[in-house]
N, C-alpha and C. Protein backbone atom coordinates (compact mmCIF):
# COMPACT_ATOMS: atom_id res chain seq x y z
N MET A 1 0.81 -1.19 0.00
CA MET A 1 0.00 0.00 0.00
C MET A 1 0.85 1.26 0.00
N THR A 2 1.91 1.33 0.82
CA THR A 2 2.78 2.49 0.82
C THR A 2 3.51 2.66 -0.49
N THR A 3 3.86 1.59 -1.16
CA THR A 3 4.51 1.69 -2.46
C THR A 3 3.58 2.35 -3.47
N ALA A 4 2.31 2.01 -3.44
CA ALA A 4 1.32 2.61 -4.34
C ALA A 4 1.18 4.09 -4.06
N ILE A 5 1.18 4.47 -2.79
CA ILE A 5 1.06 5.89 -2.42
C ILE A 5 2.28 6.66 -2.90
N ILE A 6 3.46 6.08 -2.75
CA ILE A 6 4.69 6.73 -3.20
C ILE A 6 4.67 6.90 -4.72
N ILE A 7 4.24 5.89 -5.43
CA ILE A 7 4.18 5.96 -6.90
C ILE A 7 3.19 7.04 -7.33
N VAL A 8 2.02 7.08 -6.69
CA VAL A 8 1.02 8.11 -7.02
C VAL A 8 1.57 9.50 -6.71
N ALA A 9 2.25 9.64 -5.58
CA ALA A 9 2.82 10.94 -5.21
C ALA A 9 3.87 11.38 -6.22
N VAL A 10 4.73 10.45 -6.66
CA VAL A 10 5.76 10.78 -7.66
C VAL A 10 5.10 11.20 -8.97
N VAL A 11 4.07 10.48 -9.39
CA VAL A 11 3.37 10.82 -10.64
C VAL A 11 2.71 12.19 -10.53
N VAL A 12 2.09 12.49 -9.40
CA VAL A 12 1.45 13.79 -9.21
C VAL A 12 2.49 14.91 -9.23
N VAL A 13 3.60 14.73 -8.53
CA VAL A 13 4.66 15.74 -8.52
C VAL A 13 5.22 15.94 -9.93
N ALA A 14 5.44 14.86 -10.67
CA ALA A 14 5.95 14.96 -12.04
C ALA A 14 4.95 15.69 -12.93
N ALA A 15 3.66 15.41 -12.76
CA ALA A 15 2.63 16.07 -13.57
C ALA A 15 2.59 17.57 -13.26
N ILE A 16 2.68 17.92 -11.98
CA ILE A 16 2.68 19.34 -11.59
C ILE A 16 3.91 20.04 -12.15
N ALA A 17 5.07 19.40 -12.07
CA ALA A 17 6.30 19.99 -12.60
C ALA A 17 6.19 20.19 -14.11
N ALA A 18 5.66 19.20 -14.82
CA ALA A 18 5.50 19.32 -16.27
C ALA A 18 4.54 20.45 -16.61
N PHE A 19 3.44 20.53 -15.85
CA PHE A 19 2.47 21.60 -16.08
C PHE A 19 3.10 22.98 -15.90
N LEU A 20 3.83 23.15 -14.81
CA LEU A 20 4.47 24.44 -14.54
C LEU A 20 5.51 24.78 -15.58
N LEU A 21 6.27 23.81 -16.03
CA LEU A 21 7.28 24.04 -17.05
C LEU A 21 6.62 24.50 -18.35
N LEU A 22 5.59 23.79 -18.77
CA LEU A 22 4.90 24.17 -20.01
C LEU A 22 4.19 25.51 -19.86
N ARG A 23 3.60 25.75 -18.72
CA ARG A 23 2.91 27.02 -18.48
C ARG A 23 3.88 28.19 -18.56
N GLY A 24 5.06 28.05 -17.97
CA GLY A 24 6.06 29.11 -18.00
C GLY A 24 6.54 29.40 -19.40
N ARG A 25 6.74 28.37 -20.20
CA ARG A 25 7.20 28.55 -21.58
C ARG A 25 6.13 29.25 -22.40
N THR A 26 4.88 28.83 -22.25
CA THR A 26 3.79 29.44 -23.01
C THR A 26 3.61 30.90 -22.62
N ALA A 27 3.69 31.21 -21.34
CA ALA A 27 3.53 32.60 -20.90
C ALA A 27 4.62 33.49 -21.49
N GLY A 28 5.86 32.98 -21.54
CA GLY A 28 6.95 33.75 -22.14
C GLY A 28 6.69 34.02 -23.60
N GLY A 29 6.23 33.00 -24.31
CA GLY A 29 5.92 33.15 -25.73
C GLY A 29 4.82 34.16 -25.97
N ARG A 30 3.78 34.09 -25.14
CA ARG A 30 2.69 35.05 -25.27
C ARG A 30 3.16 36.46 -24.95
N GLY A 31 4.02 36.58 -23.94
CA GLY A 31 4.55 37.90 -23.59
C GLY A 31 5.39 38.48 -24.71
N LEU A 32 6.23 37.65 -25.31
CA LEU A 32 7.05 38.12 -26.43
C LEU A 32 6.18 38.42 -27.64
N ARG A 33 5.19 37.58 -27.91
CA ARG A 33 4.29 37.81 -29.05
C ARG A 33 3.56 39.14 -28.86
N SER A 34 3.12 39.41 -27.65
CA SER A 34 2.43 40.66 -27.37
C SER A 34 3.37 41.86 -27.50
N ARG A 35 4.57 41.72 -26.97
CA ARG A 35 5.53 42.83 -27.00
C ARG A 35 5.99 43.14 -28.42
N PHE A 36 6.29 42.11 -29.21
CA PHE A 36 6.89 42.31 -30.53
C PHE A 36 5.87 42.36 -31.66
N GLY A 37 4.64 41.94 -31.43
CA GLY A 37 3.62 42.01 -32.47
C GLY A 37 4.04 41.25 -33.72
N PRO A 38 3.89 41.85 -34.90
CA PRO A 38 4.23 41.18 -36.15
C PRO A 38 5.71 40.76 -36.24
N GLU A 39 6.56 41.43 -35.50
CA GLU A 39 7.99 41.10 -35.51
C GLU A 39 8.21 39.69 -34.96
N TYR A 40 7.39 39.27 -34.00
CA TYR A 40 7.49 37.92 -33.44
C TYR A 40 7.31 36.89 -34.56
N ASP A 41 6.25 37.05 -35.34
CA ASP A 41 5.97 36.11 -36.43
C ASP A 41 7.08 36.14 -37.48
N ARG A 42 7.63 37.31 -37.77
CA ARG A 42 8.72 37.41 -38.74
C ARG A 42 9.94 36.64 -38.27
N VAL A 43 10.28 36.76 -36.99
CA VAL A 43 11.46 36.08 -36.46
C VAL A 43 11.22 34.57 -36.40
N VAL A 44 10.02 34.15 -36.03
CA VAL A 44 9.71 32.71 -36.02
C VAL A 44 9.84 32.16 -37.44
N ALA A 45 9.31 32.87 -38.42
CA ALA A 45 9.42 32.42 -39.82
C ALA A 45 10.88 32.36 -40.26
N ARG A 46 11.67 33.34 -39.87
CA ARG A 46 13.09 33.36 -40.23
C ARG A 46 13.84 32.17 -39.63
N HIS A 47 13.33 31.69 -38.48
CA HIS A 47 13.94 30.52 -37.82
C HIS A 47 13.24 29.23 -38.25
N GLY A 48 12.54 29.26 -39.37
CA GLY A 48 11.91 28.06 -39.90
C GLY A 48 10.83 27.48 -38.99
N GLY A 49 10.14 28.33 -38.24
CA GLY A 49 9.08 27.88 -37.36
C GLY A 49 9.55 27.46 -35.97
N ASP A 50 10.84 27.53 -35.72
CA ASP A 50 11.40 27.14 -34.42
C ASP A 50 11.15 28.26 -33.42
N THR A 51 10.06 28.14 -32.64
CA THR A 51 9.70 29.21 -31.72
C THR A 51 10.73 29.38 -30.60
N GLN A 52 11.35 28.28 -30.18
CA GLN A 52 12.36 28.41 -29.12
C GLN A 52 13.54 29.25 -29.58
N ALA A 53 14.03 29.00 -30.80
CA ALA A 53 15.14 29.78 -31.33
C ALA A 53 14.73 31.24 -31.50
N ALA A 54 13.52 31.46 -32.01
CA ALA A 54 13.04 32.83 -32.20
C ALA A 54 12.91 33.55 -30.87
N GLU A 55 12.39 32.87 -29.87
CA GLU A 55 12.22 33.50 -28.56
C GLU A 55 13.56 33.77 -27.89
N ARG A 56 14.55 32.92 -28.13
CA ARG A 56 15.89 33.21 -27.61
C ARG A 56 16.43 34.48 -28.25
N GLU A 57 16.23 34.62 -29.56
CA GLU A 57 16.70 35.83 -30.25
C GLU A 57 15.98 37.07 -29.72
N LEU A 58 14.67 36.99 -29.55
CA LEU A 58 13.92 38.14 -29.07
C LEU A 58 14.27 38.46 -27.62
N ASP A 59 14.47 37.43 -26.80
CA ASP A 59 14.93 37.67 -25.42
C ASP A 59 16.27 38.40 -25.43
N ASP A 60 17.16 37.99 -26.32
CA ASP A 60 18.47 38.63 -26.44
C ASP A 60 18.32 40.10 -26.83
N ARG A 61 17.40 40.38 -27.74
CA ARG A 61 17.16 41.78 -28.13
C ARG A 61 16.70 42.61 -26.93
N VAL A 62 15.81 42.03 -26.14
CA VAL A 62 15.31 42.75 -24.96
C VAL A 62 16.46 43.01 -24.00
N LYS A 63 17.33 42.02 -23.80
CA LYS A 63 18.47 42.21 -22.90
C LYS A 63 19.40 43.30 -23.42
N ARG A 64 19.62 43.34 -24.75
CA ARG A 64 20.54 44.32 -25.32
C ARG A 64 19.94 45.72 -25.41
N HIS A 65 18.64 45.81 -25.68
CA HIS A 65 18.06 47.13 -25.99
C HIS A 65 16.90 47.54 -25.08
N GLY A 66 16.49 46.68 -24.17
CA GLY A 66 15.34 46.99 -23.32
C GLY A 66 15.57 48.17 -22.39
N HIS A 67 16.82 48.41 -22.04
CA HIS A 67 17.15 49.52 -21.13
C HIS A 67 17.14 50.88 -21.83
N LEU A 68 17.12 50.89 -23.14
CA LEU A 68 17.19 52.13 -23.90
C LEU A 68 15.99 53.02 -23.56
N GLU A 69 16.28 54.22 -23.20
CA GLU A 69 15.23 55.21 -22.95
C GLU A 69 15.23 56.19 -24.12
N GLU A 70 14.08 56.33 -24.75
CA GLU A 70 13.99 57.25 -25.88
C GLU A 70 14.18 58.68 -25.39
N LEU A 71 15.02 59.40 -26.10
CA LEU A 71 15.27 60.80 -25.77
C LEU A 71 14.08 61.65 -26.21
N PRO A 72 13.75 62.67 -25.45
CA PRO A 72 12.63 63.53 -25.84
C PRO A 72 12.99 64.38 -27.05
N LEU A 73 11.96 64.80 -27.76
CA LEU A 73 12.14 65.69 -28.91
C LEU A 73 11.63 67.08 -28.55
N ALA A 74 12.38 68.07 -28.95
CA ALA A 74 11.91 69.45 -28.79
C ALA A 74 10.77 69.68 -29.79
N GLU A 75 9.89 70.59 -29.46
CA GLU A 75 8.75 70.88 -30.35
C GLU A 75 9.22 71.32 -31.73
N GLU A 76 10.33 72.07 -31.78
CA GLU A 76 10.85 72.51 -33.08
C GLU A 76 11.28 71.30 -33.93
N ALA A 77 11.93 70.34 -33.29
CA ALA A 77 12.36 69.13 -34.00
C ALA A 77 11.15 68.34 -34.46
N ARG A 78 10.15 68.24 -33.61
CA ARG A 78 8.92 67.52 -33.96
C ARG A 78 8.28 68.16 -35.19
N ALA A 79 8.21 69.47 -35.21
CA ALA A 79 7.62 70.19 -36.34
C ALA A 79 8.47 70.01 -37.61
N ARG A 80 9.78 70.04 -37.45
CA ARG A 80 10.68 69.85 -38.58
C ARG A 80 10.50 68.46 -39.19
N TYR A 81 10.42 67.43 -38.35
CA TYR A 81 10.23 66.07 -38.86
C TYR A 81 8.86 65.91 -39.51
N ALA A 82 7.84 66.50 -38.92
CA ALA A 82 6.50 66.42 -39.51
C ALA A 82 6.48 67.06 -40.90
N ALA A 83 7.17 68.19 -41.05
CA ALA A 83 7.23 68.86 -42.36
C ALA A 83 8.00 67.99 -43.36
N ARG A 84 9.09 67.39 -42.92
CA ARG A 84 9.87 66.50 -43.81
C ARG A 84 9.02 65.31 -44.25
N TRP A 85 8.24 64.75 -43.33
CA TRP A 85 7.41 63.59 -43.68
C TRP A 85 6.36 64.00 -44.71
N ALA A 86 5.74 65.16 -44.50
CA ALA A 86 4.73 65.64 -45.45
C ALA A 86 5.36 65.84 -46.83
N SER A 87 6.57 66.37 -46.87
CA SER A 87 7.27 66.56 -48.15
C SER A 87 7.57 65.23 -48.81
N ALA A 88 8.00 64.25 -48.02
CA ALA A 88 8.31 62.92 -48.56
C ALA A 88 7.06 62.28 -49.17
N GLN A 89 5.93 62.44 -48.49
CA GLN A 89 4.68 61.89 -49.03
C GLN A 89 4.27 62.59 -50.32
N GLU A 90 4.40 63.91 -50.34
CA GLU A 90 4.05 64.66 -51.55
C GLU A 90 4.95 64.30 -52.71
N LEU A 91 6.20 64.04 -52.43
CA LEU A 91 7.18 63.68 -53.45
C LEU A 91 6.85 62.34 -54.11
N PHE A 92 6.07 61.51 -53.44
CA PHE A 92 5.76 60.19 -53.96
C PHE A 92 5.11 60.24 -55.33
N VAL A 93 4.24 61.20 -55.54
CA VAL A 93 3.54 61.32 -56.82
C VAL A 93 4.53 61.54 -57.96
N GLU A 94 5.50 62.38 -57.71
CA GLU A 94 6.51 62.71 -58.72
C GLU A 94 7.58 61.64 -58.86
N SER A 95 8.06 61.12 -57.73
CA SER A 95 9.16 60.16 -57.75
C SER A 95 9.07 59.22 -56.54
N PRO A 96 8.42 58.08 -56.70
CA PRO A 96 8.31 57.14 -55.58
C PRO A 96 9.67 56.72 -55.00
N GLU A 97 10.66 56.56 -55.86
CA GLU A 97 11.99 56.15 -55.39
C GLU A 97 12.60 57.21 -54.48
N ARG A 98 12.55 58.47 -54.90
CA ARG A 98 13.09 59.56 -54.08
C ARG A 98 12.30 59.73 -52.80
N SER A 99 10.99 59.52 -52.88
CA SER A 99 10.14 59.61 -51.70
C SER A 99 10.55 58.58 -50.66
N LEU A 100 10.78 57.34 -51.09
CA LEU A 100 11.20 56.30 -50.16
C LEU A 100 12.59 56.58 -49.61
N ALA A 101 13.48 57.11 -50.45
CA ALA A 101 14.82 57.45 -49.97
C ALA A 101 14.73 58.52 -48.89
N GLU A 102 13.87 59.50 -49.08
CA GLU A 102 13.70 60.56 -48.08
C GLU A 102 13.07 60.00 -46.81
N ALA A 103 12.06 59.14 -46.96
CA ALA A 103 11.42 58.55 -45.78
C ALA A 103 12.43 57.70 -45.00
N ASP A 104 13.25 56.97 -45.70
CA ASP A 104 14.26 56.13 -45.06
C ASP A 104 15.26 56.99 -44.30
N ALA A 105 15.74 58.06 -44.93
CA ALA A 105 16.69 58.97 -44.28
C ALA A 105 16.04 59.66 -43.08
N LEU A 106 14.79 60.06 -43.25
CA LEU A 106 14.08 60.73 -42.16
C LEU A 106 13.91 59.79 -40.97
N LEU A 107 13.53 58.54 -41.20
CA LEU A 107 13.38 57.58 -40.10
C LEU A 107 14.72 57.35 -39.39
N ALA A 108 15.79 57.28 -40.18
CA ALA A 108 17.13 57.09 -39.59
C ALA A 108 17.49 58.29 -38.72
N ASP A 109 17.26 59.50 -39.23
CA ASP A 109 17.56 60.71 -38.46
C ASP A 109 16.73 60.79 -37.19
N LEU A 110 15.45 60.51 -37.31
CA LEU A 110 14.55 60.58 -36.17
C LEU A 110 14.91 59.52 -35.13
N ALA A 111 15.19 58.30 -35.57
CA ALA A 111 15.58 57.24 -34.63
C ALA A 111 16.88 57.61 -33.92
N ARG A 112 17.83 58.16 -34.66
CA ARG A 112 19.11 58.58 -34.06
C ARG A 112 18.86 59.66 -33.00
N GLU A 113 18.04 60.65 -33.34
CA GLU A 113 17.77 61.72 -32.40
C GLU A 113 17.01 61.23 -31.16
N ARG A 114 16.22 60.19 -31.32
CA ARG A 114 15.48 59.62 -30.18
C ARG A 114 16.37 58.69 -29.35
N GLY A 115 17.62 58.43 -29.81
CA GLY A 115 18.56 57.66 -29.01
C GLY A 115 18.76 56.22 -29.43
N PHE A 116 18.24 55.83 -30.59
CA PHE A 116 18.42 54.47 -31.06
C PHE A 116 19.81 54.33 -31.69
N PRO A 117 20.41 53.14 -31.58
CA PRO A 117 21.77 52.95 -32.09
C PRO A 117 21.84 53.02 -33.61
N GLU A 118 23.04 53.18 -34.10
CA GLU A 118 23.30 53.24 -35.54
C GLU A 118 23.40 51.83 -36.11
N GLY A 119 23.35 51.74 -37.42
CA GLY A 119 23.65 50.50 -38.13
C GLY A 119 22.63 49.39 -37.97
N GLU A 120 23.14 48.17 -38.06
CA GLU A 120 22.29 46.99 -38.07
C GLU A 120 21.53 46.80 -36.78
N ASP A 121 22.07 47.29 -35.68
CA ASP A 121 21.40 47.16 -34.39
C ASP A 121 20.14 48.02 -34.30
N ARG A 122 20.00 49.01 -35.16
CA ARG A 122 18.87 49.93 -35.07
C ARG A 122 17.53 49.20 -35.20
N ALA A 123 17.39 48.35 -36.20
CA ALA A 123 16.11 47.66 -36.41
C ALA A 123 15.78 46.77 -35.21
N ASP A 124 16.79 46.10 -34.65
CA ASP A 124 16.55 45.27 -33.46
C ASP A 124 16.09 46.12 -32.29
N ALA A 125 16.75 47.25 -32.07
CA ALA A 125 16.36 48.14 -30.97
C ALA A 125 14.96 48.70 -31.20
N LEU A 126 14.68 49.09 -32.42
CA LEU A 126 13.34 49.58 -32.73
C LEU A 126 12.29 48.50 -32.48
N SER A 127 12.64 47.24 -32.79
CA SER A 127 11.67 46.16 -32.60
C SER A 127 11.34 45.96 -31.13
N VAL A 128 12.29 46.22 -30.24
CA VAL A 128 12.04 46.07 -28.81
C VAL A 128 11.07 47.14 -28.32
N HIS A 129 11.20 48.34 -28.84
CA HIS A 129 10.39 49.46 -28.36
C HIS A 129 9.18 49.78 -29.23
N HIS A 130 9.23 49.37 -30.48
CA HIS A 130 8.13 49.66 -31.41
C HIS A 130 7.85 48.43 -32.29
N GLY A 131 7.66 47.30 -31.64
CA GLY A 131 7.47 46.03 -32.35
C GLY A 131 6.31 46.04 -33.33
N ALA A 132 5.27 46.78 -33.02
CA ALA A 132 4.10 46.83 -33.89
C ALA A 132 4.36 47.60 -35.18
N HIS A 133 5.44 48.40 -35.21
CA HIS A 133 5.67 49.27 -36.37
C HIS A 133 7.02 49.07 -37.06
N VAL A 134 7.90 48.27 -36.51
CA VAL A 134 9.23 48.16 -37.09
C VAL A 134 9.20 47.56 -38.49
N HIS A 135 8.14 46.82 -38.81
CA HIS A 135 8.05 46.26 -40.17
C HIS A 135 8.02 47.37 -41.23
N GLY A 136 7.51 48.55 -40.87
CA GLY A 136 7.52 49.67 -41.81
C GLY A 136 8.93 50.11 -42.14
N TYR A 137 9.79 50.11 -41.14
CA TYR A 137 11.20 50.45 -41.34
C TYR A 137 11.85 49.42 -42.27
N ARG A 138 11.57 48.15 -42.01
CA ARG A 138 12.14 47.08 -42.84
C ARG A 138 11.60 47.14 -44.27
N ARG A 139 10.32 47.45 -44.42
CA ARG A 139 9.71 47.49 -45.76
C ARG A 139 10.28 48.62 -46.60
N VAL A 140 10.54 49.76 -45.99
CA VAL A 140 11.12 50.88 -46.74
C VAL A 140 12.50 50.48 -47.25
N HIS A 141 13.31 49.84 -46.39
CA HIS A 141 14.63 49.37 -46.83
C HIS A 141 14.51 48.38 -47.98
N ALA A 142 13.62 47.42 -47.84
CA ALA A 142 13.46 46.38 -48.86
C ALA A 142 12.96 46.97 -50.18
N ALA A 143 12.01 47.89 -50.09
CA ALA A 143 11.46 48.50 -51.31
C ALA A 143 12.50 49.34 -52.03
N ARG A 144 13.38 49.98 -51.27
CA ARG A 144 14.43 50.81 -51.87
C ARG A 144 15.50 49.96 -52.55
N SER A 145 15.80 48.82 -51.97
CA SER A 145 16.92 48.03 -52.48
C SER A 145 16.51 46.99 -53.51
N GLY A 146 15.21 46.78 -53.68
CA GLY A 146 14.76 45.78 -54.64
C GLY A 146 14.07 46.41 -55.82
N ASN A 147 13.46 45.56 -56.61
CA ASN A 147 12.70 46.03 -57.77
C ASN A 147 11.22 46.08 -57.39
N ALA A 148 10.89 46.95 -56.47
CA ALA A 148 9.52 47.05 -55.98
C ALA A 148 8.65 47.80 -56.98
N SER A 149 7.41 47.37 -57.07
CA SER A 149 6.44 48.08 -57.90
C SER A 149 6.04 49.37 -57.20
N THR A 150 5.39 50.24 -57.92
CA THR A 150 4.91 51.49 -57.33
C THR A 150 3.96 51.20 -56.18
N GLU A 151 3.11 50.19 -56.34
CA GLU A 151 2.17 49.84 -55.28
C GLU A 151 2.91 49.33 -54.05
N GLU A 152 3.94 48.52 -54.24
CA GLU A 152 4.73 48.03 -53.10
C GLU A 152 5.45 49.18 -52.40
N MET A 153 5.93 50.15 -53.18
CA MET A 153 6.56 51.32 -52.57
C MET A 153 5.54 52.14 -51.78
N ARG A 154 4.34 52.28 -52.32
CA ARG A 154 3.29 53.02 -51.62
C ARG A 154 2.95 52.34 -50.30
N GLU A 155 2.80 51.01 -50.34
CA GLU A 155 2.48 50.26 -49.12
C GLU A 155 3.62 50.36 -48.10
N ALA A 156 4.86 50.33 -48.57
CA ALA A 156 6.00 50.47 -47.66
C ALA A 156 5.98 51.83 -46.98
N LEU A 157 5.69 52.88 -47.75
CA LEU A 157 5.62 54.22 -47.19
C LEU A 157 4.49 54.33 -46.17
N MET A 158 3.36 53.70 -46.46
CA MET A 158 2.23 53.72 -45.52
C MET A 158 2.60 52.98 -44.23
N ASP A 159 3.27 51.83 -44.35
CA ASP A 159 3.70 51.10 -43.16
C ASP A 159 4.72 51.89 -42.36
N ALA A 160 5.62 52.56 -43.05
CA ALA A 160 6.65 53.36 -42.38
C ALA A 160 6.04 54.52 -41.61
N ARG A 161 4.91 54.98 -42.06
CA ARG A 161 4.25 56.10 -41.38
C ARG A 161 3.90 55.74 -39.94
N GLY A 162 3.52 54.49 -39.69
CA GLY A 162 3.22 54.06 -38.33
C GLY A 162 4.42 54.20 -37.41
N LEU A 163 5.60 53.80 -37.90
CA LEU A 163 6.81 53.95 -37.10
C LEU A 163 7.15 55.42 -36.94
N PHE A 164 7.03 56.20 -38.01
CA PHE A 164 7.29 57.63 -37.92
C PHE A 164 6.44 58.27 -36.83
N GLU A 165 5.15 57.98 -36.83
CA GLU A 165 4.26 58.57 -35.82
C GLU A 165 4.62 58.11 -34.41
N ALA A 166 4.99 56.84 -34.27
CA ALA A 166 5.37 56.33 -32.95
C ALA A 166 6.65 57.01 -32.46
N LEU A 167 7.62 57.21 -33.35
CA LEU A 167 8.87 57.87 -32.96
C LEU A 167 8.65 59.36 -32.69
N LEU A 168 7.71 59.95 -33.39
CA LEU A 168 7.44 61.37 -33.21
C LEU A 168 6.69 61.65 -31.90
N ALA A 169 5.96 60.64 -31.42
CA ALA A 169 5.19 60.80 -30.18
C ALA A 169 6.14 61.03 -29.01
N ASP A 170 5.61 61.63 -27.96
CA ASP A 170 6.41 61.91 -26.77
C ASP A 170 6.75 60.60 -26.07
N GLY A 171 8.01 60.21 -26.11
CA GLY A 171 8.46 58.98 -25.48
C GLY A 171 8.72 59.11 -24.01
N GLY A 172 8.73 60.30 -23.46
CA GLY A 172 9.04 60.47 -22.05
C GLY A 172 7.94 60.03 -21.12
N SER A 173 6.67 60.17 -21.53
CA SER A 173 5.59 59.82 -20.63
C SER A 173 4.79 58.62 -21.08
N GLN A 174 5.02 58.14 -22.30
CA GLN A 174 4.28 57.00 -22.80
C GLN A 174 5.24 56.02 -23.44
N ARG A 175 4.91 54.74 -23.30
CA ARG A 175 5.68 53.68 -23.94
C ARG A 175 4.72 52.87 -24.79
N GLU A 176 5.14 52.53 -25.96
CA GLU A 176 4.32 51.72 -26.84
C GLU A 176 4.54 50.26 -26.53
N HIS A 177 3.46 49.56 -26.32
CA HIS A 177 3.51 48.12 -26.13
C HIS A 177 3.54 47.50 -27.52
N GLY A 178 4.06 46.31 -27.67
CA GLY A 178 4.20 45.66 -28.97
C GLY A 178 2.93 45.55 -29.76
N ASN A 179 1.77 45.56 -29.10
CA ASN A 179 0.52 45.43 -29.81
C ASN A 179 -0.01 46.78 -30.30
N GLY A 180 0.78 47.84 -30.16
CA GLY A 180 0.40 49.15 -30.65
C GLY A 180 -0.26 50.02 -29.61
N HIS A 181 -0.51 49.50 -28.42
CA HIS A 181 -1.14 50.28 -27.36
C HIS A 181 -0.08 51.04 -26.59
N LEU A 182 -0.43 52.22 -26.16
CA LEU A 182 0.49 53.01 -25.36
C LEU A 182 0.18 52.78 -23.89
N VAL A 183 1.23 52.68 -23.12
CA VAL A 183 1.10 52.49 -21.69
C VAL A 183 1.78 53.66 -21.03
N LYS A 184 1.06 54.42 -20.20
CA LYS A 184 1.62 55.61 -19.59
C LYS A 184 2.57 55.26 -18.48
N GLY A 185 3.66 56.03 -18.42
CA GLY A 185 4.53 56.01 -17.27
C GLY A 185 5.59 54.94 -17.20
N HIS A 186 5.46 53.84 -17.89
CA HIS A 186 6.49 52.82 -17.77
C HIS A 186 6.49 51.93 -19.01
N ARG A 187 7.60 51.26 -19.18
CA ARG A 187 7.76 50.33 -20.29
C ARG A 187 7.16 49.00 -19.87
N THR A 188 6.40 48.39 -20.78
CA THR A 188 5.85 47.07 -20.48
C THR A 188 6.81 46.01 -20.99
N SER A 189 6.84 44.90 -20.31
CA SER A 189 7.75 43.82 -20.72
C SER A 189 7.01 42.70 -21.36
């Protein structure tokens, strides 16, 4: 009888441990999916559907860039960037290629002024803080460097506008959660 009780106890403990292990992994995945939005799916696809590898990469991004605090923008800078964006959009009718080049340069300048790193790390850092919109940054780059149709360039510019607006917003009092919602006062993880 005691052997049966010990066996049942071991099975129950093992079941509870397995449940907690799986629950913890799923919660992390949901948290990353929520934080990174469409970027989560892009990274999973890039890893051939391997969610564990994708989540390790995204966790690494959070460790490297999660501490970054966006620098505030002066009202004059905000107005200057808004005017540049309006000009880039207007230029699209005349020259979609030049319009995308200007939008790309403008996003780079704005991200730099807000405190995001230079180079290849920029997109990763943007994904940590603006996961719902970083695809616009990537699409502008892709449309500029490939043989994109006018419609693809238009869509890239429209997607980039979401990131532009998020970067232009006051980062000192609001943080954007990966699902596009703003959370006042603190960064959500």
